[in-house]
Amino acid sequence: MPAGRNEQIVMLSGEPGATLAENVRLTLVDMIMKGAFDEGTRLYPERIAEQLGVSMTPVREALMQLAADGFVDGIQRRGFHVRTPDARQVTNLWQVRQGLELTAGELAVARRRDGLISDADIDYLSALQRSQESSEALANHVQKLDLNGRLHGRIVELSGNDILVSVYQSIRTKVAGSLVQRGLDTWRDRLEAESNEHWGLINALRDADFAAFETATRRHLARSLKDALADLAARPVDRDLTTKPKSVQA
């Protein structure tokens, strides 16, 4: 539901050793992914800091990172507003993603043939996919998306190309942001197709078969792009903006 005047924000904790700013960022990403804020909602640092019981500094750091990741627009003198990408941006992102994942797959297959990718590496991919199919992940879309990102990210890491990994990581959060459903539940209808596609990728790597990997990648990304665009078109546009706390009302 949209974030209203009385909605409370509950701080989440990231990885051990995470900074306060990272925990604030994680909290806001979780809320955005769940659709707690509508497109265009202005996020006031004062209100967030007050509700989380922290100073303004980590909140501003978190919002700046969210802007860099594409979750919000940071506009000078107008603040931070929750951002929804348009169809053209999502399509462009998927085109770049496909090129990177195909290149990574080609390199990973070659490394598998050369014995540089072990059965244990492939088993780890399988474990990530099984985790996506667990009851815990199926009950939590944000957790499901995180596991999905980790699976694709690990496949790219198996390419052994640090520059490719860095470029892919720079768009990974933007891909997740494009999958925000804002109250839609259509992702559950796609679980079987997604699972079959992921196993196709994993098995192709296990067999060191790039032709199979390419086919599986193109099928998977074509289907996921179609679904992302359908969800984008179906999202309600409600600009019930989050209000400032009374102490900072204009």
Foldseek 3Di string as FASTA:
>chain_A
DEAEQPDAQEFDDDDPPDDPLVRLLVSVVLCVLQQNHFFFAADDLVVSCVRHVHDSVSSVVSQVVCCLLPQWPQDPPPHTTGHADALVVLVVLLVVVLVLLLLLLLLLLVCVVVVNQDPVLLVVLVVLLVVLVDPVNVVGVVSNLVSVLVSSLSSSVSSVDPVSSVVNVSNSSVNSSLQRQNPDDCVVVCSVVLSVLSVQCSVCSNVSNSVSNSVSSVVNSVVVSVVSNVSSVPDDHDHPYYDDPPVPHD
